[in-house]
Amino acid sequence: MPSYCFYDIEKIAWPAIVGGLKKREQSIADSLATAEKVRAEMAELKSENEELLAQAREERAKLLKEAREIKEKIIGEAKEQAKLEASKIISESLAAINTQKMAALTDVKNQVGKMVIEVSEKILRRELENKGAQEKYIKDLTSEIKLN
């Protein structure tokens, strides 16, 4: 068997072991630093995502509010326009009714006038046929007239 001395092992093996441990320690430290860096980046990304989500919610609420306002404005304008149109139609209808009413009244007056003339004409013809009665009526009228 080979004879190694403790001093030889310490001189040859110990630096390799210590070097390996230092490399391992450095690798662990680097991994921990990387993990801490990734954790910080993840926290920052989470914070940014929460901000973006809050902004998106705020923007959505703003858009919904604007949409409601526009909807209400359009509905209000449509109602106002409908009221104006209804008023216009009612006014035109009333004017047409009044025009037709006046035309009907004029027509009725004309028909009544024609009937009065026809009846008067028939009465006068009958009265004028009897000449003796006419002369008596004229005498009665003249006797009622008083001369000054």
C-alpha atoms as a PDB file:
ATOM      1  CA  MET A   1       0.000   0.000   0.000  1.00  0.00           C
ATOM      2  CA  PRO A   2       1.111   3.330  -0.683  1.00  0.00           C
ATOM      3  CA  SER A   3       2.135   5.318   2.186  1.00  0.00           C
ATOM      4  CA  TYR A   4       0.719   8.731   2.304  1.00  0.00           C
ATOM      5  CA  CYS A   5       1.381  11.031   4.935  1.00  0.00           C
ATOM      6  CA  PHE A   6      -1.234  13.280   6.481  1.00  0.00           C
ATOM      7  CA  TYR A   7       0.798  16.218   5.412  1.00  0.00           C
ATOM      8  CA  ASP A   8       0.651  15.125   1.789  1.00  0.00           C
ATOM      9  CA  ILE A   9      -3.119  14.716   1.918  1.00  0.00           C
ATOM     10  CA  GLU A  10      -3.465  18.092   3.477  1.00  0.00           C
ATOM     11  CA  LYS A  11      -1.187  19.597   0.941  1.00  0.00           C
ATOM     12  CA  ILE A  12      -2.774  17.970  -2.090  1.00  0.00           C
ATOM     13  CA  ALA A  13      -6.418  17.279  -1.218  1.00  0.00           C
ATOM     14  CA  TRP A  14      -7.229  20.140   1.122  1.00  0.00           C
ATOM     15  CA  PRO A  15      -6.790  22.941  -1.415  1.00  0.00           C
ATOM     16  CA  ALA A  16      -8.997  21.041  -3.899  1.00  0.00           C
ATOM     17  CA  ILE A  17     -11.663  20.487  -1.229  1.00  0.00           C
ATOM     18  CA  VAL A  18     -11.521  24.076  -0.052  1.00  0.00           C
ATOM     19  CA  GLY A  19     -11.564  25.299  -3.661  1.00  0.00           C
ATOM     20  CA  GLY A  20     -14.589  23.109  -4.415  1.00  0.00           C
ATOM     21  CA  LEU A  21     -16.353  24.340  -1.285  1.00  0.00           C
ATOM     22  CA  LYS A  22     -15.595  27.951  -2.172  1.00  0.00           C
ATOM     23  CA  LYS A  23     -16.906  27.365  -5.694  1.00  0.00           C
ATOM     24  CA  ARG A  24     -19.989  25.723  -4.242  1.00  0.00           C
ATOM     25  CA  GLU A  25     -20.399  28.585  -1.732  1.00  0.00           C
ATOM     26  CA  GLN A  26     -20.005  31.133  -4.511  1.00  0.00           C
ATOM     27  CA  SER A  27     -22.477  29.241  -6.700  1.00  0.00           C
ATOM     28  CA  ILE A  28     -25.012  29.176  -3.833  1.00  0.00           C
ATOM     29  CA  ALA A  29     -24.446  32.888  -3.134  1.00  0.00           C
ATOM     30  CA  ASP A  30     -24.861  33.675  -6.832  1.00  0.00           C
ATOM     31  CA  SER A  31     -28.036  31.575  -6.974  1.00  0.00           C
ATOM     32  CA  LEU A  32     -29.400  33.324  -3.859  1.00  0.00           C
ATOM     33  CA  ALA A  33     -28.563  36.728  -5.336  1.00  0.00           C
ATOM     34  CA  THR A  34     -30.211  35.750  -8.621  1.00  0.00           C
ATOM     35  CA  ALA A  35     -33.260  34.442  -6.761  1.00  0.00           C
ATOM     36  CA  GLU A  36     -33.474  37.673  -4.732  1.00  0.00           C
ATOM     37  CA  LYS A  37     -33.133  39.697  -7.919  1.00  0.00           C
ATOM     38  CA  VAL A  38     -35.863  37.618  -9.639  1.00  0.00           C
ATOM     39  CA  ARG A  39     -38.068  37.946  -6.532  1.00  0.00           C
ATOM     40  CA  ALA A  40     -37.612  41.736  -6.562  1.00  0.00           C
ATOM     41  CA  GLU A  41     -38.363  41.845 -10.303  1.00  0.00           C
ATOM     42  CA  MET A  42     -41.466  39.692  -9.768  1.00  0.00           C
ATOM     43  CA  ALA A  43     -42.626  42.017  -6.975  1.00  0.00           C
ATOM     44  CA  GLU A  44     -42.042  44.994  -9.261  1.00  0.00           C
ATOM     45  CA  LEU A  45     -43.899  43.291 -12.119  1.00  0.00           C
ATOM     46  CA  LYS A  46     -46.742  42.426  -9.749  1.00  0.00           C
ATOM     47  CA  SER A  47     -46.895  46.049  -8.629  1.00  0.00           C
ATOM     48  CA  GLU A  48     -46.841  47.244 -12.244  1.00  0.00           C
ATOM     49  CA  ASN A  49     -49.566  44.723 -13.145  1.00  0.00           C
ATOM     50  CA  GLU A  50     -51.713  45.937 -10.254  1.00  0.00           C
ATOM     51  CA  GLU A  51     -51.215  49.545 -11.406  1.00  0.00           C
ATOM     52  CA  LEU A  52     -52.100  48.602 -14.987  1.00  0.00           C
ATOM     53  CA  LEU A  53     -55.156  46.718 -13.752  1.00  0.00           C
ATOM     54  CA  ALA A  54     -56.236  49.709 -11.657  1.00  0.00           C
ATOM     55  CA  GLN A  55     -55.729  52.006 -14.652  1.00  0.00           C
ATOM     56  CA  ALA A  56     -57.705  49.631 -16.863  1.00  0.00           C
ATOM     57  CA  ARG A  57     -60.549  49.544 -14.325  1.00  0.00           C
ATOM     58  CA  GLU A  58     -60.492  53.325 -14.088  1.00  0.00           C
ATOM     59  CA  GLU A  59     -60.497  53.673 -17.875  1.00  0.00           C
ATOM     60  CA  ARG A  60     -63.350  51.160 -18.154  1.00  0.00           C
ATOM     61  CA  ALA A  61     -65.373  53.071 -15.552  1.00  0.00           C
ATOM     62  CA  LYS A  62     -64.683  56.323 -17.411  1.00  0.00           C
ATOM     63  CA  LEU A  63     -65.744  54.803 -20.745  1.00  0.00           C
ATOM     64  CA  LEU A  64     -68.914  53.353 -19.209  1.00  0.00           C
ATOM     65  CA  LYS A  65     -69.771  56.713 -17.661  1.00  0.00           C
ATOM     66  CA  GLU A  66     -69.216  58.485 -20.984  1.00  0.00           C
ATOM     67  CA  ALA A  67     -71.315  55.854 -22.775  1.00  0.00           C
ATOM     68  CA  ARG A  68     -74.165  56.330 -20.273  1.00  0.00           C
ATOM     69  CA  GLU A  69     -73.980  60.104 -20.675  1.00  0.00           C
ATOM     70  CA  ILE A  70     -74.015  59.815 -24.466  1.00  0.00           C
ATOM     71  CA  LYS A  71     -76.933  57.356 -24.295  1.00  0.00           C
ATOM     72  CA  GLU A  72     -78.902  59.680 -22.012  1.00  0.00           C
ATOM     73  CA  LYS A  73     -78.127  62.649 -24.245  1.00  0.00           C
ATOM     74  CA  ILE A  74     -79.253  60.784 -27.378  1.00  0.00           C
ATOM     75  CA  ILE A  75     -82.439  59.598 -25.645  1.00  0.00           C
ATOM     76  CA  GLY A  76     -83.139  63.119 -24.374  1.00  0.00           C
ATOM     77  CA  GLU A  77     -82.604  64.615 -27.821  1.00  0.00           C
ATOM     78  CA  ALA A  78     -84.820  61.956 -29.386  1.00  0.00           C
ATOM     79  CA  LYS A  79     -87.578  62.646 -26.843  1.00  0.00           C
ATOM     80  CA  GLU A  80     -87.316  66.389 -27.437  1.00  0.00           C
ATOM     81  CA  GLN A  81     -87.404  65.867 -31.198  1.00  0.00           C
ATOM     82  CA  ALA A  82     -90.436  63.596 -30.826  1.00  0.00           C
ATOM     83  CA  LYS A  83     -92.200  66.230 -28.704  1.00  0.00           C
ATOM     84  CA  LEU A  84     -91.477  68.900 -31.304  1.00  0.00           C
ATOM     85  CA  GLU A  85     -92.722  66.655 -34.099  1.00  0.00           C
ATOM     86  CA  ALA A  86     -95.858  65.784 -32.107  1.00  0.00           C
ATOM     87  CA  SER A  87     -96.532  69.476 -31.412  1.00  0.00           C
ATOM     88  CA  LYS A  88     -96.048  70.282 -35.089  1.00  0.00           C
ATOM     89  CA  ILE A  89     -98.403  67.482 -36.157  1.00  0.00           C
ATOM     90  CA  ILE A  90    -101.011  68.563 -33.592  1.00  0.00           C
ATOM     91  CA  SER A  91    -100.780  72.197 -34.709  1.00  0.00           C
ATOM     92  CA  GLU A  92    -101.119  71.230 -38.364  1.00  0.00           C
ATOM     93  CA  SER A  93    -104.038  68.931 -37.522  1.00  0.00           C
ATOM     94  CA  LEU A  94    -105.825  71.664 -35.557  1.00  0.00           C
ATOM     95  CA  ALA A  95    -105.302  74.128 -38.389  1.00  0.00           C
ATOM     96  CA  ALA A  96    -106.695  71.601 -40.895  1.00  0.00           C
ATOM     97  CA  ILE A  97    -109.672  70.910 -38.606  1.00  0.00           C
ATOM     98  CA  ASN A  98    -110.391  74.638 -38.250  1.00  0.00           C
ATOM     99  CA  THR A  99    -110.129  75.126 -42.001  1.00  0.00           C
ATOM    100  CA  GLN A 100    -112.520  72.257 -42.635  1.00  0.00           C
ATOM    101  CA  LYS A 101    -114.860  73.537 -39.906  1.00  0.00           C
ATOM    102  CA  MET A 102    -114.962  77.018 -41.466  1.00  0.00           C
ATOM    103  CA  ALA A 103    -115.548  75.504 -44.913  1.00  0.00           C
ATOM    104  CA  ALA A 104    -118.399  73.379 -43.520  1.00  0.00           C
ATOM    105  CA  LEU A 105    -119.951  76.388 -41.742  1.00  0.00           C
ATOM    106  CA  THR A 106    -119.715  78.461 -44.914  1.00  0.00           C
ATOM    107  CA  ASP A 107    -121.343  75.662 -46.882  1.00  0.00           C
ATOM    108  CA  VAL A 108    -124.169  75.333 -44.309  1.00  0.00           C
ATOM    109  CA  LYS A 109    -124.732  79.107 -44.370  1.00  0.00           C
ATOM    110  CA  ASN A 110    -124.857  79.069 -48.160  1.00  0.00           C
ATOM    111  CA  GLN A 111    -127.361  76.207 -48.152  1.00  0.00           C
ATOM    112  CA  VAL A 112    -129.539  77.940 -45.517  1.00  0.00           C
ATOM    113  CA  GLY A 113    -129.397  81.165 -47.561  1.00  0.00           C
ATOM    114  CA  LYS A 114    -130.499  79.322 -50.697  1.00  0.00           C
ATOM    115  CA  MET A 115    -133.357  77.666 -48.814  1.00  0.00           C
ATOM    116  CA  VAL A 116    -134.517  81.024 -47.382  1.00  0.00           C
ATOM    117  CA  ILE A 117    -134.477  82.570 -50.859  1.00  0.00           C
ATOM    118  CA  GLU A 118    -136.396  79.646 -52.335  1.00  0.00           C
ATOM    119  CA  VAL A 119    -139.016  79.721 -49.551  1.00  0.00           C
ATOM    120  CA  SER A 120    -139.324  83.524 -49.793  1.00  0.00           C
ATOM    121  CA  GLU A 121    -139.707  83.312 -53.554  1.00  0.00           C
ATOM    122  CA  LYS A 122    -142.500  80.742 -53.225  1.00  0.00           C
ATOM    123  CA  ILE A 123    -144.293  82.849 -50.602  1.00  0.00           C
ATOM    124  CA  LEU A 124    -144.010  86.015 -52.707  1.00  0.00           C
ATOM    125  CA  ARG A 125    -145.348  84.258 -55.823  1.00  0.00           C
ATOM    126  CA  ARG A 126    -148.328  83.020 -53.891  1.00  0.00           C
ATOM    127  CA  GLU A 127    -149.002  86.410 -52.400  1.00  0.00           C
ATOM    128  CA  LEU A 128    -148.613  88.210 -55.703  1.00  0.00           C
ATOM    129  CA  GLU A 129    -151.108  85.940 -57.477  1.00  0.00           C
ATOM    130  CA  ASN A 130    -154.087  87.463 -55.641  1.00  0.00           C
ATOM    131  CA  LYS A 131    -154.257  91.067 -56.976  1.00  0.00           C
ATOM    132  CA  GLY A 132    -157.263  92.145 -54.860  1.00  0.00           C
ATOM    133  CA  ALA A 133    -155.558  91.082 -51.646  1.00  0.00           C
ATOM    134  CA  GLN A 134    -152.487  93.035 -52.658  1.00  0.00           C
ATOM    135  CA  GLU A 135    -154.420  96.243 -53.252  1.00  0.00           C
ATOM    136  CA  LYS A 136    -156.196  95.898 -49.912  1.00  0.00           C
ATOM    137  CA  TYR A 137    -152.881  95.366 -48.131  1.00  0.00           C
ATOM    138  CA  ILE A 138    -151.408  98.499 -49.793  1.00  0.00           C
ATOM    139  CA  LYS A 139    -154.420 100.585 -48.722  1.00  0.00           C
ATOM    140  CA  ASP A 140    -154.127  99.347 -45.158  1.00  0.00           C
ATOM    141  CA  LEU A 141    -150.449 100.249 -45.092  1.00  0.00           C
ATOM    142  CA  THR A 142    -151.038 103.735 -46.473  1.00  0.00           C
ATOM    143  CA  SER A 143    -153.784 104.437 -43.969  1.00  0.00           C
ATOM    144  CA  GLU A 144    -151.435 103.573 -41.142  1.00  0.00           C
ATOM    145  CA  ILE A 145    -148.913 106.139 -42.359  1.00  0.00           C
ATOM    146  CA  LYS A 146    -149.556 109.527 -40.778  1.00  0.00           C
ATOM    147  CA  LEU A 147    -148.584 112.581 -42.639  1.00  0.00           C
ATOM    148  CA  ASN A 148    -147.487 115.627 -40.715  1.00  0.00           C
END
